Amino acid sequence: MKISTEIKSSAKVIGEEKAVEFVAKAGFDAWDFSMFKMAGFDWVNKCFKATDHPLAGKDYLKFARRLKQIGLDNGIVCNQAHAPHPLYCAEIRGYMERALECTAEAGGKICIIHPDNYKSAEENAEMYFELLPVAKQYGIKIATENMWNWNDETDRAAFSACASHEDFLKHIECVNDPDFVACVDLGHAEMMGDMTSAATMLRTLGKHVQALHIHDNDQWHDSHALPFTMQMDFDAIVRALKEIGYDGYFTLEAVNHPMGETEESAFAALKEMAAAARKLAKMFDEA
């Protein structure tokens, strides 16, 4: 089983180019292209926020090619990418075709595009129907992901698109296309209490699961912590992955694992992340 990790967290400290290099040197087999700076969002005022990042400019493909080459020079590939969100923001929605193009340019095989948290499977399907011809043109797949909303009164995660295993499967079946697959966010699934669990979601989706976001939490908050540091049952998760014959990458999204403020601290953090991912991969290989 090969391992990968997102570059968002380390890029905050060392930039994307150095992040791809360090991900390779830390022991990962691949990198997950975080494209959130392509189109920003002000989460306080709930509005679009323009950025001056290269992914938002006219040379976005040149930037994607540069990251791909750094990876190849260091012996790793881009296995998947993550488009900007939230999709209920019309301006961000307009960047999805660019995100697909950049995924292909970087060498990724899957682009994770969130559903609109507040829309039904049928409504979200209309968006994916529009984007799938573009993805097919570039030879990549689109993956939707299980999301969550928050109920301030109960202080718990609340239903949103794909939050339950039944609704996630409904999203997949409404689109019904081999190039539309599932990225199961294991941590999000574990927030949902009686609604679902990571193992249940994996077994329900079965062969549709072709990508993962792996992190740990207290089964309450969206902690995005390093695996094996909180309360999730990774033995049960590995058993479910083995049962469904999962053959994709083990991709970390432990974005809250402390990176520090220097190249040295960021590299040390990435090595800790690679060790955790490799431990999980070994569990899978030996199951």
C-alpha atoms as a PDB file:
ATOM      1  CA  MET A   1       0.000   0.000   0.000  1.00  0.00           C
ATOM      2  CA  LYS A   2       1.413   3.370  -1.042  1.00  0.00           C
ATOM      3  CA  ILE A   3       1.123   6.498   1.101  1.00  0.00           C
ATOM      4  CA  SER A   4       0.506  10.146   0.282  1.00  0.00           C
ATOM      5  CA  THR A   5      -0.245  13.396   2.069  1.00  0.00           C
ATOM      6  CA  GLU A   6      -1.700  16.798   1.339  1.00  0.00           C
ATOM      7  CA  ILE A   7       0.697  19.727   0.931  1.00  0.00           C
ATOM      8  CA  LYS A   8      -1.543  22.457   2.362  1.00  0.00           C
ATOM      9  CA  SER A   9      -0.232  22.238   5.931  1.00  0.00           C
ATOM     10  CA  SER A  10       3.480  22.174   5.123  1.00  0.00           C
ATOM     11  CA  ALA A  11       3.145  24.775   2.333  1.00  0.00           C
ATOM     12  CA  LYS A  12       1.980  27.312   4.932  1.00  0.00           C
ATOM     13  CA  VAL A  13       5.497  27.159   6.369  1.00  0.00           C
ATOM     14  CA  ILE A  14       7.749  26.341   3.409  1.00  0.00           C
ATOM     15  CA  GLY A  15       5.698  26.959   0.243  1.00  0.00           C
ATOM     16  CA  GLU A  16       4.360  24.399  -2.228  1.00  0.00           C
ATOM     17  CA  GLU A  17       7.606  23.728  -4.097  1.00  0.00           C
ATOM     18  CA  LYS A  18       9.581  22.865  -0.980  1.00  0.00           C
ATOM     19  CA  ALA A  19       6.554  20.994   0.409  1.00  0.00           C
ATOM     20  CA  VAL A  20       6.533  18.543  -2.512  1.00  0.00           C
ATOM     21  CA  GLU A  21      10.292  18.013  -2.134  1.00  0.00           C
ATOM     22  CA  PHE A  22      10.041  17.446   1.619  1.00  0.00           C
ATOM     23  CA  VAL A  23       7.058  15.090   1.269  1.00  0.00           C
ATOM     24  CA  ALA A  24       9.248  12.879  -0.906  1.00  0.00           C
ATOM     25  CA  LYS A  25      12.277  13.076   1.379  1.00  0.00           C
ATOM     26  CA  ALA A  26      10.114  12.339   4.431  1.00  0.00           C
ATOM     27  CA  GLY A  27       9.189   8.954   2.961  1.00  0.00           C
ATOM     28  CA  PHE A  28       5.873   9.369   1.136  1.00  0.00           C
ATOM     29  CA  ASP A  29       5.178   7.770  -2.239  1.00  0.00           C
ATOM     30  CA  ALA A  30       2.991  10.592  -3.557  1.00  0.00           C
ATOM     31  CA  TRP A  31       1.624  14.067  -2.879  1.00  0.00           C
ATOM     32  CA  ASP A  32      -1.944  15.375  -2.769  1.00  0.00           C
ATOM     33  CA  PHE A  33      -2.250  18.704  -4.621  1.00  0.00           C
ATOM     34  CA  SER A  34      -4.038  21.171  -2.301  1.00  0.00           C
ATOM     35  CA  MET A  35      -5.509  23.880  -4.558  1.00  0.00           C
ATOM     36  CA  PHE A  36      -7.409  25.931  -1.987  1.00  0.00           C
ATOM     37  CA  LYS A  37      -5.474  29.124  -2.740  1.00  0.00           C
ATOM     38  CA  MET A  38      -6.747  29.033  -6.296  1.00  0.00           C
ATOM     39  CA  ALA A  39      -9.945  30.696  -5.041  1.00  0.00           C
ATOM     40  CA  GLY A  40     -10.231  31.946  -1.474  1.00  0.00           C
ATOM     41  CA  PHE A  41     -13.230  32.196   0.829  1.00  0.00           C
ATOM     42  CA  ASP A  42     -13.822  34.484   3.793  1.00  0.00           C
ATOM     43  CA  TRP A  43     -15.383  32.076   6.284  1.00  0.00           C
ATOM     44  CA  VAL A  44     -16.314  34.894   8.688  1.00  0.00           C
ATOM     45  CA  ASN A  45     -18.200  37.035   6.191  1.00  0.00           C
ATOM     46  CA  LYS A  46     -19.186  34.074   3.973  1.00  0.00           C
ATOM     47  CA  CYS A  47     -17.976  35.546   0.714  1.00  0.00           C
ATOM     48  CA  PHE A  48     -15.436  35.018  -2.056  1.00  0.00           C
ATOM     49  CA  LYS A  49     -11.924  36.267  -1.375  1.00  0.00           C
ATOM     50  CA  ALA A  50      -9.604  36.831  -4.348  1.00  0.00           C
ATOM     51  CA  THR A  51      -5.991  35.676  -3.993  1.00  0.00           C
ATOM     52  CA  ASP A  52      -2.705  36.528  -5.684  1.00  0.00           C
ATOM     53  CA  HIS A  53      -1.553  32.909  -5.667  1.00  0.00           C
ATOM     54  CA  PRO A  54      -0.084  31.532  -8.939  1.00  0.00           C
ATOM     55  CA  LEU A  55      -2.998  29.096  -9.205  1.00  0.00           C
ATOM     56  CA  ALA A  56      -5.331  32.094  -9.455  1.00  0.00           C
ATOM     57  CA  GLY A  57      -3.260  33.811 -12.143  1.00  0.00           C
ATOM     58  CA  LYS A  58      -2.682  33.316 -15.847  1.00  0.00           C
ATOM     59  CA  ASP A  59       0.327  31.015 -15.343  1.00  0.00           C
ATOM     60  CA  TYR A  60      -1.556  28.437 -13.263  1.00  0.00           C
ATOM     61  CA  LEU A  61      -0.607  25.539 -15.546  1.00  0.00           C
ATOM     62  CA  LYS A  62       3.064  26.479 -15.402  1.00  0.00           C
ATOM     63  CA  PHE A  63       2.858  26.330 -11.606  1.00  0.00           C
ATOM     64  CA  ALA A  64       1.182  22.903 -11.684  1.00  0.00           C
ATOM     65  CA  ARG A  65       3.837  21.601 -14.101  1.00  0.00           C
ATOM     66  CA  ARG A  66       6.582  22.924 -11.835  1.00  0.00           C
ATOM     67  CA  LEU A  67       5.213  21.023  -8.829  1.00  0.00           C
ATOM     68  CA  LYS A  68       4.852  17.853 -10.900  1.00  0.00           C
ATOM     69  CA  GLN A  69       8.490  18.058 -12.000  1.00  0.00           C
ATOM     70  CA  ILE A  70       9.735  18.609  -8.457  1.00  0.00           C
ATOM     71  CA  GLY A  71       7.864  15.479  -7.429  1.00  0.00           C
ATOM     72  CA  LEU A  72       9.269  13.455 -10.300  1.00  0.00           C
ATOM     73  CA  ASP A  73      12.773  14.735  -9.619  1.00  0.00           C
ATOM     74  CA  ASN A  74      12.400  13.416  -6.080  1.00  0.00           C
ATOM     75  CA  GLY A  75      10.814  10.094  -7.021  1.00  0.00           C
ATOM     76  CA  ILE A  76       7.144  10.707  -6.212  1.00  0.00           C
ATOM     77  CA  VAL A  77       3.949  11.421  -8.164  1.00  0.00           C
ATOM     78  CA  CYS A  78       0.789  13.421  -7.591  1.00  0.00           C
ATOM     79  CA  ASN A  79      -1.914  10.846  -6.834  1.00  0.00           C
ATOM     80  CA  GLN A  80      -4.863  13.196  -6.303  1.00  0.00           C
ATOM     81  CA  ALA A  81      -5.844  16.835  -5.917  1.00  0.00           C
ATOM     82  CA  HIS A  82      -8.359  18.832  -3.929  1.00  0.00           C
ATOM     83  CA  ALA A  83     -10.374  21.632  -5.527  1.00  0.00           C
ATOM     84  CA  PRO A  84     -11.294  24.844  -3.666  1.00  0.00           C
ATOM     85  CA  HIS A  85     -14.531  24.990  -1.690  1.00  0.00           C
ATOM     86  CA  PRO A  86     -17.282  25.745  -0.571  1.00  0.00           C
ATOM     87  CA  LEU A  87     -19.283  25.121  -3.707  1.00  0.00           C
ATOM     88  CA  TYR A  88     -22.266  27.193  -2.546  1.00  0.00           C
ATOM     89  CA  CYS A  89     -20.074  30.191  -3.371  1.00  0.00           C
ATOM     90  CA  ALA A  90     -20.724  30.909  -7.064  1.00  0.00           C
ATOM     91  CA  GLU A  91     -17.314  32.488  -7.673  1.00  0.00           C
ATOM     92  CA  ILE A  92     -15.507  29.408  -6.313  1.00  0.00           C
ATOM     93  CA  ARG A  93     -17.795  27.133  -8.304  1.00  0.00           C
ATOM     94  CA  GLY A  94     -16.447  28.906 -11.389  1.00  0.00           C
ATOM     95  CA  TYR A  95     -12.923  27.618 -10.695  1.00  0.00           C
ATOM     96  CA  MET A  96     -13.768  23.908 -10.850  1.00  0.00           C
ATOM     97  CA  GLU A  97     -12.776  23.451 -14.486  1.00  0.00           C
ATOM     98  CA  ARG A  98      -9.421  25.086 -13.738  1.00  0.00           C
ATOM     99  CA  ALA A  99      -9.002  22.715 -10.793  1.00  0.00           C
ATOM    100  CA  LEU A 100      -9.600  19.724 -13.070  1.00  0.00           C
ATOM    101  CA  GLU A 101      -7.109  21.072 -15.597  1.00  0.00           C
ATOM    102  CA  CYS A 102      -4.463  21.589 -12.903  1.00  0.00           C
ATOM    103  CA  THR A 103      -5.023  18.103 -11.518  1.00  0.00           C
ATOM    104  CA  ALA A 104      -4.277  16.595 -14.907  1.00  0.00           C
ATOM    105  CA  GLU A 105      -1.295  18.906 -15.479  1.00  0.00           C
ATOM    106  CA  ALA A 106       0.222  17.843 -12.153  1.00  0.00           C
ATOM    107  CA  GLY A 107      -0.265  14.170 -13.016  1.00  0.00           C
ATOM    108  CA  GLY A 108      -3.091  13.483 -10.567  1.00  0.00           C
ATOM    109  CA  LYS A 109      -5.671  10.816 -11.338  1.00  0.00           C
ATOM    110  CA  ILE A 110      -8.515  12.016  -9.097  1.00  0.00           C
ATOM    111  CA  CYS A 111      -9.782  15.496  -8.221  1.00  0.00           C
ATOM    112  CA  ILE A 112     -11.833  15.786  -5.037  1.00  0.00           C
ATOM    113  CA  ILE A 113     -14.673  18.249  -5.534  1.00  0.00           C
ATOM    114  CA  HIS A 114     -16.884  18.762  -2.499  1.00  0.00           C
ATOM    115  CA  PRO A 115     -20.628  18.567  -2.877  1.00  0.00           C
ATOM    116  CA  ASP A 116     -22.653  21.597  -1.876  1.00  0.00           C
ATOM    117  CA  ASN A 117     -23.327  20.847   1.797  1.00  0.00           C
ATOM    118  CA  TYR A 118     -26.874  22.180   1.575  1.00  0.00           C
ATOM    119  CA  LYS A 119     -28.056  20.438  -1.588  1.00  0.00           C
ATOM    120  CA  SER A 120     -29.595  17.043  -2.209  1.00  0.00           C
ATOM    121  CA  ALA A 121     -27.984  14.225  -4.152  1.00  0.00           C
ATOM    122  CA  GLU A 122     -30.112  15.105  -7.172  1.00  0.00           C
ATOM    123  CA  GLU A 123     -29.155  18.785  -7.020  1.00  0.00           C
ATOM    124  CA  ASN A 124     -25.443  18.057  -6.583  1.00  0.00           C
ATOM    125  CA  ALA A 125     -25.614  15.575  -9.460  1.00  0.00           C
ATOM    126  CA  GLU A 126     -26.439  18.437 -11.837  1.00  0.00           C
ATOM    127  CA  MET A 127     -23.148  20.128 -10.953  1.00  0.00           C
ATOM    128  CA  TYR A 128     -21.169  16.921 -11.418  1.00  0.00           C
ATOM    129  CA  PHE A 129     -22.894  16.239 -14.757  1.00  0.00           C
ATOM    130  CA  GLU A 130     -21.564  19.603 -15.975  1.00  0.00           C
ATOM    131  CA  LEU A 131     -18.009  18.873 -14.813  1.00  0.00           C
ATOM    132  CA  LEU A 132     -17.626  15.239 -15.837  1.00  0.00           C
ATOM    133  CA  PRO A 133     -17.098  15.931 -19.568  1.00  0.00           C
ATOM    134  CA  VAL A 134     -14.195  18.202 -18.614  1.00  0.00           C
ATOM    135  CA  ALA A 135     -12.718  15.550 -16.328  1.00  0.00           C
ATOM    136  CA  LYS A 136     -13.030  12.934 -19.067  1.00  0.00           C
ATOM    137  CA  GLN A 137     -11.310  15.290 -21.502  1.00  0.00           C
ATOM    138  CA  TYR A 138      -8.326  15.425 -19.137  1.00  0.00           C
ATOM    139  CA  GLY A 139      -8.391  11.704 -18.370  1.00  0.00           C
ATOM    140  CA  ILE A 140      -9.122  12.039 -14.654  1.00  0.00           C
ATOM    141  CA  LYS A 141     -11.896  11.126 -12.235  1.00  0.00           C
ATOM    142  CA  ILE A 142     -13.984  13.322  -9.956  1.00  0.00           C
ATOM    143  CA  ALA A 143     -14.445  12.202  -6.352  1.00  0.00           C
ATOM    144  CA  THR A 144     -17.112  13.570  -4.068  1.00  0.00           C
ATOM    145  CA  GLU A 145     -16.551  13.585  -0.308  1.00  0.00           C
ATOM    146  CA  ASN A 146     -18.632  13.114   2.837  1.00  0.00           C
ATOM    147  CA  MET A 147     -19.131  16.464   4.556  1.00  0.00           C
ATOM    148  CA  TRP A 148     -20.625  17.854   7.781  1.00  0.00           C
ATOM    149  CA  ASN A 149     -22.459  20.865   9.144  1.00  0.00           C
ATOM    150  CA  TRP A 150     -22.455  21.971  12.786  1.00  0.00           C
ATOM    151  CA  ASN A 151     -25.435  22.305  15.136  1.00  0.00           C
ATOM    152  CA  ASP A 152     -24.586  24.996  17.696  1.00  0.00           C
ATOM    153  CA  GLU A 153     -27.489  23.988  19.944  1.00  0.00           C
ATOM    154  CA  THR A 154     -26.393  20.378  20.335  1.00  0.00           C
ATOM    155  CA  ASP A 155     -22.684  21.153  19.857  1.00  0.00           C
ATOM    156  CA  ARG A 156     -22.471  18.254  17.453  1.00  0.00           C
ATOM    157  CA  ALA A 157     -21.948  17.567  13.773  1.00  0.00           C
ATOM    158  CA  ALA A 158     -25.173  17.740  11.783  1.00  0.00           C
ATOM    159  CA  PHE A 159     -26.315  16.283   8.485  1.00  0.00           C
ATOM    160  CA  SER A 160     -24.966  17.603   5.193  1.00  0.00           C
ATOM    161  CA  ALA A 161     -24.348  16.215   1.719  1.00  0.00           C
ATOM    162  CA  CYS A 162     -22.895  12.681   1.828  1.00  0.00           C
ATOM    163  CA  ALA A 163     -22.745  12.785   5.650  1.00  0.00           C
ATOM    164  CA  SER A 164     -24.475   9.415   6.062  1.00  0.00           C
ATOM    165  CA  HIS A 165     -23.485   6.262   4.230  1.00  0.00           C
ATOM    166  CA  GLU A 166     -26.944   6.123   2.635  1.00  0.00           C
ATOM    167  CA  ASP A 167     -26.771   9.682   1.319  1.00  0.00           C
ATOM    168  CA  PHE A 168     -23.210   9.214   0.088  1.00  0.00           C
ATOM    169  CA  LEU A 169     -24.261   6.150  -1.905  1.00  0.00           C
ATOM    170  CA  LYS A 170     -27.265   8.076  -3.239  1.00  0.00           C
ATOM    171  CA  HIS A 171     -24.920  10.804  -4.527  1.00  0.00           C
ATOM    172  CA  ILE A 172     -22.823   8.186  -6.315  1.00  0.00           C
ATOM    173  CA  GLU A 173     -25.841   6.422  -7.808  1.00  0.00           C
ATOM    174  CA  CYS A 174     -27.525   9.642  -8.959  1.00  0.00           C
ATOM    175  CA  VAL A 175     -24.521  10.421 -11.152  1.00  0.00           C
ATOM    176  CA  ASN A 176     -23.886   6.773 -12.082  1.00  0.00           C
ATOM    177  CA  ASP A 177     -20.678   7.266 -14.027  1.00  0.00           C
ATOM    178  CA  PRO A 178     -17.443   5.228 -13.769  1.00  0.00           C
ATOM    179  CA  ASP A 179     -15.454   8.462 -13.605  1.00  0.00           C
ATOM    180  CA  PHE A 180     -17.392   9.684 -10.569  1.00  0.00           C
ATOM    181  CA  VAL A 181     -16.084   8.021  -7.409  1.00  0.00           C
ATOM    182  CA  ALA A 182     -15.977   8.330  -3.630  1.00  0.00           C
ATOM    183  CA  CYS A 183     -13.318   9.910  -1.439  1.00  0.00           C
ATOM    184  CA  VAL A 184     -14.170   8.796   2.081  1.00  0.00           C
ATOM    185  CA  ASP A 185     -13.025  11.246   4.705  1.00  0.00           C
ATOM    186  CA  LEU A 186     -12.545   8.864   7.617  1.00  0.00           C
ATOM    187  CA  GLY A 187     -12.524  11.611  10.232  1.00  0.00           C
ATOM    188  CA  HIS A 188     -15.715  13.247   8.977  1.00  0.00           C
ATOM    189  CA  ALA A 189     -17.472   9.882   9.078  1.00  0.00           C
ATOM    190  CA  GLU A 190     -16.423   9.357  12.695  1.00  0.00           C
ATOM    191  CA  MET A 191     -17.983  12.686  13.750  1.00  0.00           C
ATOM    192  CA  MET A 192     -21.469  11.572  12.768  1.00  0.00           C
ATOM    193  CA  GLY A 193     -22.395   9.415  15.779  1.00  0.00           C
ATOM    194  CA  ASP A 194     -25.392   7.144  15.134  1.00  0.00           C
ATOM    195  CA  MET A 195     -25.646   8.433  11.551  1.00  0.00           C
ATOM    196  CA  THR A 196     -22.660   6.405  10.337  1.00  0.00           C
ATOM    197  CA  SER A 197     -19.053   5.398  10.995  1.00  0.00           C
ATOM    198  CA  ALA A 198     -15.996   5.184   8.801  1.00  0.00           C
ATOM    199  CA  ALA A 199     -16.178   1.380   8.577  1.00  0.00           C
ATOM    200  CA  THR A 200     -19.903   1.413   7.774  1.00  0.00           C
ATOM    201  CA  MET A 201     -19.422   4.071   5.105  1.00  0.00           C
ATOM    202  CA  LEU A 202     -16.586   2.119   3.495  1.00  0.00           C
ATOM    203  CA  ARG A 203     -18.573  -1.111   3.389  1.00  0.00           C
ATOM    204  CA  THR A 204     -21.647   0.650   1.991  1.00  0.00           C
ATOM    205  CA  LEU A 205     -19.722   2.345  -0.810  1.00  0.00           C
ATOM    206  CA  GLY A 206     -17.542  -0.662  -1.601  1.00  0.00           C
ATOM    207  CA  LYS A 207     -15.867  -0.494  -5.020  1.00  0.00           C
ATOM    208  CA  HIS A 208     -16.818   3.184  -5.390  1.00  0.00           C
ATOM    209  CA  VAL A 209     -14.172   4.118  -2.790  1.00  0.00           C
ATOM    210  CA  GLN A 210     -11.112   5.124  -4.775  1.00  0.00           C
ATOM    211  CA  ALA A 211      -9.608   7.823  -2.548  1.00  0.00           C
ATOM    212  CA  LEU A 212      -9.248   8.546   1.163  1.00  0.00           C
ATOM    213  CA  HIS A 213      -8.685  11.438   3.535  1.00  0.00           C
ATOM    214  CA  ILE A 214      -7.064   9.941   6.626  1.00  0.00           C
ATOM    215  CA  HIS A 215      -6.810  11.694   9.974  1.00  0.00           C
ATOM    216  CA  ASP A 216      -7.813  11.159  13.592  1.00  0.00           C
ATOM    217  CA  ASN A 217     -10.280  12.840  15.940  1.00  0.00           C
ATOM    218  CA  ASP A 218     -12.133  12.520  19.236  1.00  0.00           C
ATOM    219  CA  GLN A 219     -15.244  11.245  17.391  1.00  0.00           C
ATOM    220  CA  TRP A 220     -16.807  14.649  18.022  1.00  0.00           C
ATOM    221  CA  HIS A 221     -14.784  17.451  16.431  1.00  0.00           C
ATOM    222  CA  ASP A 222     -13.116  17.713  13.016  1.00  0.00           C
ATOM    223  CA  SER A 223      -9.651  17.568  14.570  1.00  0.00           C
ATOM    224  CA  HIS A 224      -7.633  16.521  11.491  1.00  0.00           C
ATOM    225  CA  ALA A 225      -5.023  15.071  13.826  1.00  0.00           C
ATOM    226  CA  LEU A 226      -2.308  12.536  13.108  1.00  0.00           C
ATOM    227  CA  PRO A 227      -3.594   8.919  13.027  1.00  0.00           C
ATOM    228  CA  PHE A 228      -3.161   6.994  16.294  1.00  0.00           C
ATOM    229  CA  THR A 229      -3.152  10.171  18.424  1.00  0.00           C
ATOM    230  CA  MET A 230      -6.874  10.354  19.296  1.00  0.00           C
ATOM    231  CA  GLN A 231      -9.842   7.987  19.482  1.00  0.00           C
ATOM    232  CA  MET A 232     -10.627   6.519  16.072  1.00  0.00           C
ATOM    233  CA  ASP A 233     -10.505   2.722  15.699  1.00  0.00           C
ATOM    234  CA  PHE A 234      -8.102   2.184  12.822  1.00  0.00           C
ATOM    235  CA  ASP A 235      -8.177  -1.593  13.252  1.00  0.00           C
ATOM    236  CA  ALA A 236     -11.871  -1.563  12.315  1.00  0.00           C
ATOM    237  CA  ILE A 237     -11.195   0.840   9.444  1.00  0.00           C
ATOM    238  CA  VAL A 238      -8.402  -1.334   8.036  1.00  0.00           C
ATOM    239  CA  ARG A 239     -10.641  -4.406   8.196  1.00  0.00           C
ATOM    240  CA  ALA A 240     -13.333  -2.576   6.224  1.00  0.00           C
ATOM    241  CA  LEU A 241     -10.814  -1.370   3.630  1.00  0.00           C
ATOM    242  CA  LYS A 242      -9.506  -4.899   3.234  1.00  0.00           C
ATOM    243  CA  GLU A 243     -13.028  -6.290   2.844  1.00  0.00           C
ATOM    244  CA  ILE A 244     -13.904  -3.921   0.002  1.00  0.00           C
ATOM    245  CA  GLY A 245     -10.607  -4.577  -1.778  1.00  0.00           C
ATOM    246  CA  TYR A 246      -9.420  -0.983  -1.586  1.00  0.00           C
ATOM    247  CA  ASP A 247      -6.431  -0.487  -3.888  1.00  0.00           C
ATOM    248  CA  GLY A 248      -5.902   3.282  -3.876  1.00  0.00           C
ATOM    249  CA  TYR A 249      -3.427   5.356  -1.889  1.00  0.00           C
ATOM    250  CA  PHE A 250      -3.492   5.939   1.857  1.00  0.00           C
ATOM    251  CA  THR A 251      -3.636   9.748   1.762  1.00  0.00           C
ATOM    252  CA  LEU A 252      -3.267  11.735   4.956  1.00  0.00           C
ATOM    253  CA  GLU A 253      -5.191  14.923   5.619  1.00  0.00           C
ATOM    254  CA  ALA A 254      -3.757  15.552   9.083  1.00  0.00           C
ATOM    255  CA  VAL A 255      -3.669  19.297   8.442  1.00  0.00           C
ATOM    256  CA  ASN A 256      -3.630  20.222  12.122  1.00  0.00           C
ATOM    257  CA  HIS A 257      -0.487  18.270  12.945  1.00  0.00           C
ATOM    258  CA  PRO A 258       1.911  20.996  14.165  1.00  0.00           C
ATOM    259  CA  MET A 259       4.394  22.080  11.509  1.00  0.00           C
ATOM    260  CA  GLY A 260       6.305  24.664  13.506  1.00  0.00           C
ATOM    261  CA  GLU A 261       7.747  27.718  11.787  1.00  0.00           C
ATOM    262  CA  THR A 262      10.959  26.534  10.132  1.00  0.00           C
ATOM    263  CA  GLU A 263      12.053  24.162   7.390  1.00  0.00           C
ATOM    264  CA  GLU A 264      13.541  21.885  10.033  1.00  0.00           C
ATOM    265  CA  SER A 265      10.331  21.676  12.062  1.00  0.00           C
ATOM    266  CA  ALA A 266       8.188  21.165   8.965  1.00  0.00           C
ATOM    267  CA  PHE A 267      10.414  18.317   7.770  1.00  0.00           C
ATOM    268  CA  ALA A 268      10.346  16.694  11.208  1.00  0.00           C
ATOM    269  CA  ALA A 269       6.532  16.901  11.202  1.00  0.00           C
ATOM    270  CA  LEU A 270       6.338  15.355   7.733  1.00  0.00           C
ATOM    271  CA  LYS A 271       8.535  12.468   8.871  1.00  0.00           C
ATOM    272  CA  GLU A 272       6.167  11.868  11.806  1.00  0.00           C
ATOM    273  CA  MET A 273       3.253  11.913   9.374  1.00  0.00           C
ATOM    274  CA  ALA A 274       4.975   9.464   7.021  1.00  0.00           C
ATOM    275  CA  ALA A 275       5.683   7.103   9.922  1.00  0.00           C
ATOM    276  CA  ALA A 276       2.003   7.132  10.947  1.00  0.00           C
ATOM    277  CA  ALA A 277       0.851   6.566   7.360  1.00  0.00           C
ATOM    278  CA  ARG A 278       3.363   3.752   6.891  1.00  0.00           C
ATOM    279  CA  LYS A 279       2.149   2.111  10.105  1.00  0.00           C
ATOM    280  CA  LEU A 280      -1.397   2.179   8.794  1.00  0.00           C
ATOM    281  CA  ALA A 281      -0.287   0.814   5.419  1.00  0.00           C
ATOM    282  CA  LYS A 282       1.551  -2.032   7.148  1.00  0.00           C
ATOM    283  CA  MET A 283      -1.590  -2.867   9.118  1.00  0.00           C
ATOM    284  CA  PHE A 284      -3.468  -3.106   5.818  1.00  0.00           C
ATOM    285  CA  ASP A 285      -0.788  -5.168   4.090  1.00  0.00           C
ATOM    286  CA  GLU A 286      -0.616  -7.633   6.961  1.00  0.00           C
ATOM    287  CA  ALA A 287      -4.383  -7.898   7.569  1.00  0.00           C
END
